[in-house]
Amino acid sequence: MFLMITIDVLGLYIPGAQEEVLKTAGKTPVDQLMLGAAVMMVLPITMIFLSRVLNQTVNRWANIIVSLITIVFVVGSYSAQLHYYFLGAIEVFTMLAIIWSAWKWRQ
């Protein structure tokens, strides 16, 4: 979550970044894009809570599924900026580590 926010904040300082977002949005209204971004910010926060209250089997699959969704989001919202390469790679690596860890959990 912090990496996603950092990528977005740093992207604000790149000239033309906002125009690029609007251009790539196509016909999707900006408020719907922001709702999607808000959902992506809530997922990691929610997973912290759910990891504490879900039983192990459900928790395992929730971590795997949410991590896969996050990877798709990071790769799908790709931006050809150096900071995005760096932070996006760390984020994908972290999600893969979560998937591996959840897959290896013992009953």
PDB file of N, CA and C in Angstrom:
ATOM      1  N   MET A   1       0.824  -1.181   0.000  1.00  0.00           N
ATOM      2  CA  MET A   1       0.000   0.000   0.000  1.00  0.00           C
ATOM      3  C   MET A   1       0.871   1.249   0.000  1.00  0.00           C
ATOM      4  N   PHE A   2       1.890   1.260   0.856  1.00  0.00           N
ATOM      5  CA  PHE A   2       2.753   2.437   0.911  1.00  0.00           C
ATOM      6  C   PHE A   2       3.509   2.634  -0.403  1.00  0.00           C
ATOM      7  N   LEU A   3       3.873   1.531  -1.048  1.00  0.00           N
ATOM      8  CA  LEU A   3       4.568   1.649  -2.331  1.00  0.00           C
ATOM      9  C   LEU A   3       3.634   2.215  -3.397  1.00  0.00           C
ATOM     10  N   MET A   4       2.370   1.768  -3.401  1.00  0.00           N
ATOM     11  CA  MET A   4       1.409   2.304  -4.370  1.00  0.00           C
ATOM     12  C   MET A   4       1.224   3.799  -4.170  1.00  0.00           C
ATOM     13  N   ILE A   5       1.092   4.216  -2.928  1.00  0.00           N
ATOM     14  CA  ILE A   5       0.911   5.638  -2.634  1.00  0.00           C
ATOM     15  C   ILE A   5       2.166   6.415  -3.037  1.00  0.00           C
ATOM     16  N   THR A   6       3.339   5.887  -2.722  1.00  0.00           N
ATOM     17  CA  THR A   6       4.592   6.554  -3.068  1.00  0.00           C
ATOM     18  C   THR A   6       4.721   6.725  -4.573  1.00  0.00           C
ATOM     19  N   ILE A   7       4.388   5.683  -5.327  1.00  0.00           N
ATOM     20  CA  ILE A   7       4.437   5.774  -6.786  1.00  0.00           C
ATOM     21  C   ILE A   7       3.524   6.897  -7.270  1.00  0.00           C
ATOM     22  N   ASP A   8       2.305   6.963  -6.733  1.00  0.00           N
ATOM     23  CA  ASP A   8       1.362   7.997  -7.161  1.00  0.00           C
ATOM     24  C   ASP A   8       1.828   9.394  -6.785  1.00  0.00           C
ATOM     25  N   VAL A   9       2.332   9.557  -5.573  1.00  0.00           N
ATOM     26  CA  VAL A   9       2.798  10.870  -5.136  1.00  0.00           C
ATOM     27  C   VAL A   9       3.983  11.337  -5.982  1.00  0.00           C
ATOM     28  N   LEU A  10       4.945  10.450  -6.198  1.00  0.00           N
ATOM     29  CA  LEU A  10       6.092  10.825  -7.027  1.00  0.00           C
ATOM     30  C   LEU A  10       5.660  11.135  -8.460  1.00  0.00           C
ATOM     31  N   GLY A  11       4.660  10.422  -8.948  1.00  0.00           N
ATOM     32  CA  GLY A  11       4.163  10.656 -10.301  1.00  0.00           C
ATOM     33  C   GLY A  11       3.546  12.029 -10.477  1.00  0.00           C
ATOM     34  N   LEU A  12       3.059  12.633  -9.392  1.00  0.00           N
ATOM     35  CA  LEU A  12       2.474  13.974  -9.485  1.00  0.00           C
ATOM     36  C   LEU A  12       3.493  15.031  -9.896  1.00  0.00           C
ATOM     37  N   TYR A  13       4.754  14.761  -9.638  1.00  0.00           N
ATOM     38  CA  TYR A  13       5.796  15.742  -9.927  1.00  0.00           C
ATOM     39  C   TYR A  13       6.398  15.578 -11.320  1.00  0.00           C
ATOM     40  N   ILE A  14       5.860  14.667 -12.105  1.00  0.00           N
ATOM     41  CA  ILE A  14       6.335  14.472 -13.469  1.00  0.00           C
ATOM     42  C   ILE A  14       5.456  15.306 -14.393  1.00  0.00           C
ATOM     43  N   PRO A  15       6.053  16.231 -15.135  1.00  0.00           N
ATOM     44  CA  PRO A  15       5.243  17.065 -16.036  1.00  0.00           C
ATOM     45  C   PRO A  15       4.436  16.204 -17.012  1.00  0.00           C
ATOM     46  N   GLY A  16       3.153  16.502 -17.129  1.00  0.00           N
ATOM     47  CA  GLY A  16       2.282  15.796 -18.048  1.00  0.00           C
ATOM     48  C   GLY A  16       1.706  14.499 -17.508  1.00  0.00           C
ATOM     49  N   ALA A  17       2.014  14.145 -16.260  1.00  0.00           N
ATOM     50  CA  ALA A  17       1.548  12.872 -15.703  1.00  0.00           C
ATOM     51  C   ALA A  17       0.031  12.834 -15.578  1.00  0.00           C
ATOM     52  N   GLN A  18      -0.564  13.923 -15.137  1.00  0.00           N
ATOM     53  CA  GLN A  18      -2.018  13.939 -14.986  1.00  0.00           C
ATOM     54  C   GLN A  18      -2.720  13.828 -16.337  1.00  0.00           C
ATOM     55  N   GLU A  19      -2.171  14.487 -17.323  1.00  0.00           N
ATOM     56  CA  GLU A  19      -2.742  14.409 -18.667  1.00  0.00           C
ATOM     57  C   GLU A  19      -2.640  12.982 -19.212  1.00  0.00           C
ATOM     58  N   GLU A  20      -1.530  12.303 -18.901  1.00  0.00           N
ATOM     59  CA  GLU A  20      -1.351  10.912 -19.343  1.00  0.00           C
ATOM     60  C   GLU A  20      -2.394  10.003 -18.714  1.00  0.00           C
ATOM     61  N   VAL A  21      -2.683  10.213 -17.428  1.00  0.00           N
ATOM     62  CA  VAL A  21      -3.705   9.413 -16.753  1.00  0.00           C
ATOM     63  C   VAL A  21      -5.057   9.628 -17.426  1.00  0.00           C
ATOM     64  N   LEU A  22      -5.390  10.890 -17.697  1.00  0.00           N
ATOM     65  CA  LEU A  22      -6.667  11.181 -18.333  1.00  0.00           C
ATOM     66  C   LEU A  22      -6.735  10.588 -19.738  1.00  0.00           C
ATOM     67  N   LYS A  23      -5.616  10.616 -20.451  1.00  0.00           N
ATOM     68  CA  LYS A  23      -5.583  10.074 -21.807  1.00  0.00           C
ATOM     69  C   LYS A  23      -5.752   8.556 -21.790  1.00  0.00           C
ATOM     70  N   THR A  24      -5.056   7.884 -20.887  1.00  0.00           N
ATOM     71  CA  THR A  24      -5.133   6.421 -20.840  1.00  0.00           C
ATOM     72  C   THR A  24      -6.449   5.947 -20.237  1.00  0.00           C
ATOM     73  N   ALA A  25      -7.152   6.835 -19.537  1.00  0.00           N
ATOM     74  CA  ALA A  25      -8.445   6.467 -18.963  1.00  0.00           C
ATOM     75  C   ALA A  25      -9.474   6.218 -20.057  1.00  0.00           C
ATOM     76  N   GLY A  26      -9.272   6.816 -21.207  1.00  0.00           N
ATOM     77  CA  GLY A  26     -10.224   6.639 -22.301  1.00  0.00           C
ATOM     78  C   GLY A  26     -11.578   7.187 -21.922  1.00  0.00           C
ATOM     79  N   LYS A  27     -12.600   6.350 -22.037  1.00  0.00           N
ATOM     80  CA  LYS A  27     -13.964   6.785 -21.738  1.00  0.00           C
ATOM     81  C   LYS A  27     -14.353   6.544 -20.288  1.00  0.00           C
ATOM     82  N   THR A  28     -13.441   5.985 -19.508  1.00  0.00           N
ATOM     83  CA  THR A  28     -13.726   5.729 -18.098  1.00  0.00           C
ATOM     84  C   THR A  28     -13.694   7.050 -17.335  1.00  0.00           C
ATOM     85  N   PRO A  29     -14.784   7.396 -16.646  1.00  0.00           N
ATOM     86  CA  PRO A  29     -14.785   8.637 -15.868  1.00  0.00           C
ATOM     87  C   PRO A  29     -13.708   8.607 -14.775  1.00  0.00           C
ATOM     88  N   VAL A  30     -13.129   9.759 -14.513  1.00  0.00           N
ATOM     89  CA  VAL A  30     -12.053   9.862 -13.531  1.00  0.00           C
ATOM     90  C   VAL A  30     -12.521   9.426 -12.146  1.00  0.00           C
ATOM     91  N   ASP A  31     -13.777   9.728 -11.790  1.00  0.00           N
ATOM     92  CA  ASP A  31     -14.243   9.317 -10.457  1.00  0.00           C
ATOM     93  C   ASP A  31     -14.282   7.797 -10.320  1.00  0.00           C
ATOM     94  N   GLN A  32     -14.544   7.081 -11.405  1.00  0.00           N
ATOM     95  CA  GLN A  32     -14.489   5.621 -11.347  1.00  0.00           C
ATOM     96  C   GLN A  32     -13.052   5.130 -11.214  1.00  0.00           C
ATOM     97  N   LEU A  33     -12.122   5.812 -11.880  1.00  0.00           N
ATOM     98  CA  LEU A  33     -10.702   5.466 -11.724  1.00  0.00           C
ATOM     99  C   LEU A  33     -10.256   5.671 -10.283  1.00  0.00           C
ATOM    100  N   MET A  34     -10.679   6.763  -9.677  1.00  0.00           N
ATOM    101  CA  MET A  34     -10.303   7.052  -8.292  1.00  0.00           C
ATOM    102  C   MET A  34     -10.940   6.047  -7.341  1.00  0.00           C
ATOM    103  N   LEU A  35     -12.164   5.588  -7.640  1.00  0.00           N
ATOM    104  CA  LEU A  35     -12.789   4.552  -6.824  1.00  0.00           C
ATOM    105  C   LEU A  35     -11.971   3.263  -6.909  1.00  0.00           C
ATOM    106  N   GLY A  36     -11.542   2.905  -8.111  1.00  0.00           N
ATOM    107  CA  GLY A  36     -10.691   1.723  -8.273  1.00  0.00           C
ATOM    108  C   GLY A  36      -9.401   1.847  -7.497  1.00  0.00           C
ATOM    109  N   ALA A  37      -8.792   3.031  -7.548  1.00  0.00           N
ATOM    110  CA  ALA A  37      -7.560   3.264  -6.790  1.00  0.00           C
ATOM    111  C   ALA A  37      -7.826   3.170  -5.287  1.00  0.00           C
ATOM    112  N   ALA A  38      -8.961   3.689  -4.845  1.00  0.00           N
ATOM    113  CA  ALA A  38      -9.306   3.622  -3.424  1.00  0.00           C
ATOM    114  C   ALA A  38      -9.477   2.172  -2.976  1.00  0.00           C
ATOM    115  N   VAL A  39     -10.116   1.355  -3.807  1.00  0.00           N
ATOM    116  CA  VAL A  39     -10.276  -0.061  -3.479  1.00  0.00           C
ATOM    117  C   VAL A  39      -8.911  -0.723  -3.362  1.00  0.00           C
ATOM    118  N   MET A  40      -8.018  -0.400  -4.285  1.00  0.00           N
ATOM    119  CA  MET A  40      -6.676  -0.991  -4.232  1.00  0.00           C
ATOM    120  C   MET A  40      -5.907  -0.545  -2.990  1.00  0.00           C
ATOM    121  N   MET A  41      -6.184   0.637  -2.468  1.00  0.00           N
ATOM    122  CA  MET A  41      -5.529   1.102  -1.244  1.00  0.00           C
ATOM    123  C   MET A  41      -6.118   0.408  -0.014  1.00  0.00           C
ATOM    124  N   VAL A  42      -7.406   0.070  -0.076  1.00  0.00           N
ATOM    125  CA  VAL A  42      -8.079  -0.553   1.062  1.00  0.00           C
ATOM    126  C   VAL A  42      -7.714  -2.036   1.184  1.00  0.00           C
ATOM    127  N   LEU A  43      -7.424  -2.702   0.079  1.00  0.00           N
ATOM    128  CA  LEU A  43      -7.123  -4.139   0.131  1.00  0.00           C
ATOM    129  C   LEU A  43      -6.004  -4.486   1.111  1.00  0.00           C
ATOM    130  N   PRO A  44      -4.834  -3.836   1.049  1.00  0.00           N
ATOM    131  CA  PRO A  44      -3.781  -4.215   2.003  1.00  0.00           C
ATOM    132  C   PRO A  44      -4.155  -3.941   3.457  1.00  0.00           C
ATOM    133  N   ILE A  45      -4.861  -2.845   3.687  1.00  0.00           N
ATOM    134  CA  ILE A  45      -5.278  -2.518   5.051  1.00  0.00           C
ATOM    135  C   ILE A  45      -6.250  -3.577   5.562  1.00  0.00           C
ATOM    136  N   THR A  46      -7.191  -3.953   4.720  1.00  0.00           N
ATOM    137  CA  THR A  46      -8.170  -4.973   5.083  1.00  0.00           C
ATOM    138  C   THR A  46      -7.501  -6.317   5.331  1.00  0.00           C
ATOM    139  N   MET A  47      -6.486  -6.642   4.533  1.00  0.00           N
ATOM    140  CA  MET A  47      -5.810  -7.923   4.695  1.00  0.00           C
ATOM    141  C   MET A  47      -5.091  -8.029   6.042  1.00  0.00           C
ATOM    142  N   ILE A  48      -4.611  -6.926   6.565  1.00  0.00           N
ATOM    143  CA  ILE A  48      -3.988  -6.963   7.898  1.00  0.00           C
ATOM    144  C   ILE A  48      -5.021  -7.440   8.922  1.00  0.00           C
ATOM    145  N   PHE A  49      -6.198  -6.846   8.884  1.00  0.00           N
ATOM    146  CA  PHE A  49      -7.263  -7.240   9.811  1.00  0.00           C
ATOM    147  C   PHE A  49      -7.719  -8.675   9.551  1.00  0.00           C
ATOM    148  N   LEU A  50      -7.988  -9.001   8.274  1.00  0.00           N
ATOM    149  CA  LEU A  50      -8.498 -10.330   7.953  1.00  0.00           C
ATOM    150  C   LEU A  50      -7.498 -11.433   8.298  1.00  0.00           C
ATOM    151  N   SER A  51      -6.216 -11.152   8.173  1.00  0.00           N
ATOM    152  CA  SER A  51      -5.200 -12.147   8.520  1.00  0.00           C
ATOM    153  C   SER A  51      -5.255 -12.514   9.999  1.00  0.00           C
ATOM    154  N   ARG A  52      -5.783 -11.636  10.808  1.00  0.00           N
ATOM    155  CA  ARG A  52      -5.897 -11.903  12.242  1.00  0.00           C
ATOM    156  C   ARG A  52      -7.180 -12.642  12.609  1.00  0.00           C
ATOM    157  N   VAL A  53      -8.235 -12.514  11.777  1.00  0.00           N
ATOM    158  CA  VAL A  53      -9.530 -13.058  12.190  1.00  0.00           C
ATOM    159  C   VAL A  53      -9.998 -14.259  11.363  1.00  0.00           C
ATOM    160  N   LEU A  54      -9.460 -14.454  10.171  1.00  0.00           N
ATOM    161  CA  LEU A  54      -9.890 -15.577   9.335  1.00  0.00           C
ATOM    162  C   LEU A  54      -9.220 -16.872   9.773  1.00  0.00           C
ATOM    163  N   ASN A  55      -9.909 -17.995   9.526  1.00  0.00           N
ATOM    164  CA  ASN A  55      -9.248 -19.266   9.804  1.00  0.00           C
ATOM    165  C   ASN A  55      -8.145 -19.481   8.769  1.00  0.00           C
ATOM    166  N   GLN A  56      -7.268 -20.411   9.035  1.00  0.00           N
ATOM    167  CA  GLN A  56      -6.041 -20.549   8.238  1.00  0.00           C
ATOM    168  C   GLN A  56      -6.299 -20.840   6.760  1.00  0.00           C
ATOM    169  N   THR A  57      -7.242 -21.699   6.459  1.00  0.00           N
ATOM    170  CA  THR A  57      -7.503 -22.053   5.064  1.00  0.00           C
ATOM    171  C   THR A  57      -8.018 -20.851   4.282  1.00  0.00           C
ATOM    172  N   VAL A  58      -8.999 -20.154   4.836  1.00  0.00           N
ATOM    173  CA  VAL A  58      -9.550 -18.972   4.166  1.00  0.00           C
ATOM    174  C   VAL A  58      -8.491 -17.880   4.086  1.00  0.00           C
ATOM    175  N   ASN A  59      -7.733 -17.712   5.147  1.00  0.00           N
ATOM    176  CA  ASN A  59      -6.668 -16.714   5.185  1.00  0.00           C
ATOM    177  C   ASN A  59      -5.637 -16.979   4.091  1.00  0.00           C
ATOM    178  N   ARG A  60      -5.247 -18.229   3.940  1.00  0.00           N
ATOM    179  CA  ARG A  60      -4.272 -18.599   2.908  1.00  0.00           C
ATOM    180  C   ARG A  60      -4.770 -18.158   1.535  1.00  0.00           C
ATOM    181  N   TRP A  61      -5.999 -18.551   1.189  1.00  0.00           N
ATOM    182  CA  TRP A  61      -6.518 -18.236  -0.139  1.00  0.00           C
ATOM    183  C   TRP A  61      -6.777 -16.747  -0.309  1.00  0.00           C
ATOM    184  N   ALA A  62      -7.199 -16.069   0.739  1.00  0.00           N
ATOM    185  CA  ALA A  62      -7.405 -14.623   0.653  1.00  0.00           C
ATOM    186  C   ALA A  62      -6.086 -13.913   0.355  1.00  0.00           C
ATOM    187  N   ASN A  63      -5.012 -14.321   1.029  1.00  0.00           N
ATOM    188  CA  ASN A  63      -3.705 -13.715   0.776  1.00  0.00           C
ATOM    189  C   ASN A  63      -3.221 -13.982  -0.648  1.00  0.00           C
ATOM    190  N   ILE A  64      -3.418 -15.195  -1.127  1.00  0.00           N
ATOM    191  CA  ILE A  64      -2.992 -15.536  -2.488  1.00  0.00           C
ATOM    192  C   ILE A  64      -3.798 -14.742  -3.517  1.00  0.00           C
ATOM    193  N   ILE A  65      -5.120 -14.700  -3.356  1.00  0.00           N
ATOM    194  CA  ILE A  65      -5.971 -14.011  -4.327  1.00  0.00           C
ATOM    195  C   ILE A  65      -5.724 -12.511  -4.336  1.00  0.00           C
ATOM    196  N   VAL A  66      -5.672 -11.898  -3.151  1.00  0.00           N
ATOM    197  CA  VAL A  66      -5.444 -10.450  -3.083  1.00  0.00           C
ATOM    198  C   VAL A  66      -4.054 -10.096  -3.619  1.00  0.00           C
ATOM    199  N   SER A  67      -3.060 -10.930  -3.353  1.00  0.00           N
ATOM    200  CA  SER A  67      -1.719 -10.677  -3.888  1.00  0.00           C
ATOM    201  C   SER A  67      -1.711 -10.756  -5.412  1.00  0.00           C
ATOM    202  N   LEU A  68      -2.419 -11.729  -5.975  1.00  0.00           N
ATOM    203  CA  LEU A  68      -2.509 -11.835  -7.434  1.00  0.00           C
ATOM    204  C   LEU A  68      -3.223 -10.617  -8.035  1.00  0.00           C
ATOM    205  N   ILE A  69      -4.299 -10.178  -7.393  1.00  0.00           N
ATOM    206  CA  ILE A  69      -5.014  -8.982  -7.861  1.00  0.00           C
ATOM    207  C   ILE A  69      -4.087  -7.776  -7.827  1.00  0.00           C
ATOM    208  N   THR A  70      -3.310  -7.649  -6.763  1.00  0.00           N
ATOM    209  CA  THR A  70      -2.385  -6.522  -6.640  1.00  0.00           C
ATOM    210  C   THR A  70      -1.314  -6.577  -7.720  1.00  0.00           C
ATOM    211  N   ILE A  71      -0.782  -7.757  -8.013  1.00  0.00           N
ATOM    212  CA  ILE A  71       0.217  -7.886  -9.078  1.00  0.00           C
ATOM    213  C   ILE A  71      -0.377  -7.454 -10.412  1.00  0.00           C
ATOM    214  N   VAL A  72      -1.593  -7.903 -10.711  1.00  0.00           N
ATOM    215  CA  VAL A  72      -2.251  -7.520 -11.965  1.00  0.00           C
ATOM    216  C   VAL A  72      -2.432  -6.002 -12.016  1.00  0.00           C
ATOM    217  N   PHE A  73      -2.820  -5.402 -10.901  1.00  0.00           N
ATOM    218  CA  PHE A  73      -3.001  -3.945 -10.845  1.00  0.00           C
ATOM    219  C   PHE A  73      -1.683  -3.217 -11.094  1.00  0.00           C
ATOM    220  N   VAL A  74      -0.618  -3.661 -10.439  1.00  0.00           N
ATOM    221  CA  VAL A  74       0.687  -2.999 -10.589  1.00  0.00           C
ATOM    222  C   VAL A  74       1.189  -3.125 -12.026  1.00  0.00           C
ATOM    223  N   VAL A  75       1.114  -4.320 -12.575  1.00  0.00           N
ATOM    224  CA  VAL A  75       1.592  -4.534 -13.943  1.00  0.00           C
ATOM    225  C   VAL A  75       0.667  -3.832 -14.939  1.00  0.00           C
ATOM    226  N   GLY A  76      -0.639  -3.867 -14.687  1.00  0.00           N
ATOM    227  CA  GLY A  76      -1.608  -3.250 -15.594  1.00  0.00           C
ATOM    228  C   GLY A  76      -1.586  -1.743 -15.597  1.00  0.00           C
ATOM    229  N   SER A  77      -1.172  -1.139 -14.503  1.00  0.00           N
ATOM    230  CA  SER A  77      -1.115   0.324 -14.436  1.00  0.00           C
ATOM    231  C   SER A  77       0.298   0.827 -14.659  1.00  0.00           C
ATOM    232  N   TYR A  78       1.067   0.036 -15.373  1.00  0.00           N
ATOM    233  CA  TYR A  78       2.464   0.315 -15.692  1.00  0.00           C
ATOM    234  C   TYR A  78       2.661   1.735 -16.220  1.00  0.00           C
ATOM    235  N   SER A  79       3.717   2.367 -15.786  1.00  0.00           N
ATOM    236  CA  SER A  79       4.123   3.685 -16.275  1.00  0.00           C
ATOM    237  C   SER A  79       5.616   3.637 -16.569  1.00  0.00           C
ATOM    238  N   ALA A  80       5.997   4.179 -17.687  1.00  0.00           N
ATOM    239  CA  ALA A  80       7.405   4.120 -18.118  1.00  0.00           C
ATOM    240  C   ALA A  80       8.234   5.180 -17.399  1.00  0.00           C
ATOM    241  N   GLN A  81       8.268   5.109 -16.089  1.00  0.00           N
ATOM    242  CA  GLN A  81       9.061   6.023 -15.271  1.00  0.00           C
ATOM    243  C   GLN A  81       9.993   5.191 -14.396  1.00  0.00           C
ATOM    244  N   LEU A  82      11.183   5.707 -14.170  1.00  0.00           N
ATOM    245  CA  LEU A  82      12.169   4.943 -13.401  1.00  0.00           C
ATOM    246  C   LEU A  82      11.694   4.601 -11.996  1.00  0.00           C
ATOM    247  N   HIS A  83      11.043   5.548 -11.329  1.00  0.00           N
ATOM    248  CA  HIS A  83      10.570   5.258  -9.970  1.00  0.00           C
ATOM    249  C   HIS A  83       9.513   4.160  -9.987  1.00  0.00           C
ATOM    250  N   TYR A  84       8.719   4.090 -11.054  1.00  0.00           N
ATOM    251  CA  TYR A  84       7.699   3.053 -11.148  1.00  0.00           C
ATOM    252  C   TYR A  84       8.340   1.688 -11.355  1.00  0.00           C
ATOM    253  N   TYR A  85       9.372   1.621 -12.205  1.00  0.00           N
ATOM    254  CA  TYR A  85      10.094   0.354 -12.376  1.00  0.00           C
ATOM    255  C   TYR A  85      10.605  -0.157 -11.034  1.00  0.00           C
ATOM    256  N   PHE A  86      11.258   0.730 -10.293  1.00  0.00           N
ATOM    257  CA  PHE A  86      11.880   0.355  -9.027  1.00  0.00           C
ATOM    258  C   PHE A  86      10.845  -0.067  -7.981  1.00  0.00           C
ATOM    259  N   LEU A  87       9.884   0.824  -7.684  1.00  0.00           N
ATOM    260  CA  LEU A  87       8.903   0.537  -6.643  1.00  0.00           C
ATOM    261  C   LEU A  87       7.925  -0.552  -7.074  1.00  0.00           C
ATOM    262  N   GLY A  88       7.568  -0.580  -8.356  1.00  0.00           N
ATOM    263  CA  GLY A  88       6.690  -1.630  -8.861  1.00  0.00           C
ATOM    264  C   GLY A  88       7.332  -3.000  -8.743  1.00  0.00           C
ATOM    265  N   ALA A  89       8.622  -3.082  -9.046  1.00  0.00           N
ATOM    266  CA  ALA A  89       9.339  -4.357  -8.928  1.00  0.00           C
ATOM    267  C   ALA A  89       9.367  -4.831  -7.477  1.00  0.00           C
ATOM    268  N   ILE A  90       9.604  -3.918  -6.555  1.00  0.00           N
ATOM    269  CA  ILE A  90       9.597  -4.281  -5.133  1.00  0.00           C
ATOM    270  C   ILE A  90       8.210  -4.757  -4.717  1.00  0.00           C
ATOM    271  N   GLU A  91       7.187  -4.072  -5.198  1.00  0.00           N
ATOM    272  CA  GLU A  91       5.820  -4.444  -4.851  1.00  0.00           C
ATOM    273  C   GLU A  91       5.473  -5.834  -5.389  1.00  0.00           C
ATOM    274  N   VAL A  92       5.815  -6.104  -6.646  1.00  0.00           N
ATOM    275  CA  VAL A  92       5.546  -7.425  -7.220  1.00  0.00           C
ATOM    276  C   VAL A  92       6.338  -8.494  -6.470  1.00  0.00           C
ATOM    277  N   PHE A  93       7.598  -8.226  -6.167  1.00  0.00           N
ATOM    278  CA  PHE A  93       8.411  -9.190  -5.415  1.00  0.00           C
ATOM    279  C   PHE A  93       7.781  -9.472  -4.050  1.00  0.00           C
ATOM    280  N   THR A  94       7.304  -8.431  -3.385  1.00  0.00           N
ATOM    281  CA  THR A  94       6.678  -8.592  -2.078  1.00  0.00           C
ATOM    282  C   THR A  94       5.406  -9.432  -2.180  1.00  0.00           C
ATOM    283  N   MET A  95       4.606  -9.175  -3.204  1.00  0.00           N
ATOM    284  CA  MET A  95       3.383  -9.957  -3.389  1.00  0.00           C
ATOM    285  C   MET A  95       3.709 -11.425  -3.686  1.00  0.00           C
ATOM    286  N   LEU A  96       4.752 -11.672  -4.475  1.00  0.00           N
ATOM    287  CA  LEU A  96       5.173 -13.049  -4.737  1.00  0.00           C
ATOM    288  C   LEU A  96       5.652 -13.730  -3.461  1.00  0.00           C
ATOM    289  N   ALA A  97       6.332 -12.975  -2.596  1.00  0.00           N
ATOM    290  CA  ALA A  97       6.778 -13.529  -1.313  1.00  0.00           C
ATOM    291  C   ALA A  97       5.583 -13.868  -0.425  1.00  0.00           C
ATOM    292  N   ILE A  98       4.551 -13.034  -0.450  1.00  0.00           N
ATOM    293  CA  ILE A  98       3.341 -13.316   0.331  1.00  0.00           C
ATOM    294  C   ILE A  98       2.660 -14.575  -0.203  1.00  0.00           C
ATOM    295  N   ILE A  99       2.577 -14.693  -1.533  1.00  0.00           N
ATOM    296  CA  ILE A  99       1.970 -15.883  -2.136  1.00  0.00           C
ATOM    297  C   ILE A  99       2.752 -17.128  -1.737  1.00  0.00           C
ATOM    298  N   TRP A 100       4.061 -17.068  -1.841  1.00  0.00           N
ATOM    299  CA  TRP A 100       4.904 -18.219  -1.487  1.00  0.00           C
ATOM    300  C   TRP A 100       4.726 -18.579  -0.014  1.00  0.00           C
ATOM    301  N   SER A 101       4.727 -17.563   0.833  1.00  0.00           N
ATOM    302  CA  SER A 101       4.569 -17.800   2.265  1.00  0.00           C
ATOM    303  C   SER A 101       3.207 -18.421   2.571  1.00  0.00           C
ATOM    304  N   ALA A 102       2.157 -17.892   1.966  1.00  0.00           N
ATOM    305  CA  ALA A 102       0.813 -18.436   2.199  1.00  0.00           C
ATOM    306  C   ALA A 102       0.711 -19.863   1.667  1.00  0.00           C
ATOM    307  N   TRP A 103       1.330 -20.139   0.535  1.00  0.00           N
ATOM    308  CA  TRP A 103       1.290 -21.474  -0.046  1.00  0.00           C
ATOM    309  C   TRP A 103       1.996 -22.492   0.850  1.00  0.00           C
ATOM    310  N   LYS A 104       3.045 -22.070   1.521  1.00  0.00           N
ATOM    311  CA  LYS A 104       3.857 -22.961   2.366  1.00  0.00           C
ATOM    312  C   LYS A 104       3.313 -23.117   3.794  1.00  0.00           C
ATOM    313  N   TRP A 105       2.284 -22.355   4.175  1.00  0.00           N
ATOM    314  CA  TRP A 105       1.752 -22.475   5.520  1.00  0.00           C
ATOM    315  C   TRP A 105       1.357 -23.904   5.820  1.00  0.00           C
ATOM    316  N   ARG A 106       1.641 -24.327   7.012  1.00  0.00           N
ATOM    317  CA  ARG A 106       1.246 -25.661   7.455  1.00  0.00           C
ATOM    318  C   ARG A 106      -0.120 -25.597   8.116  1.00  0.00           C
ATOM    319  N   GLN A 107      -0.827 -26.694   8.063  1.00  0.00           N
ATOM    320  CA  GLN A 107      -2.159 -26.764   8.703  1.00  0.00           C
ATOM    321  C   GLN A 107      -2.048 -26.752  10.203  1.00  0.00           C
TER     322      GLN A 107
END
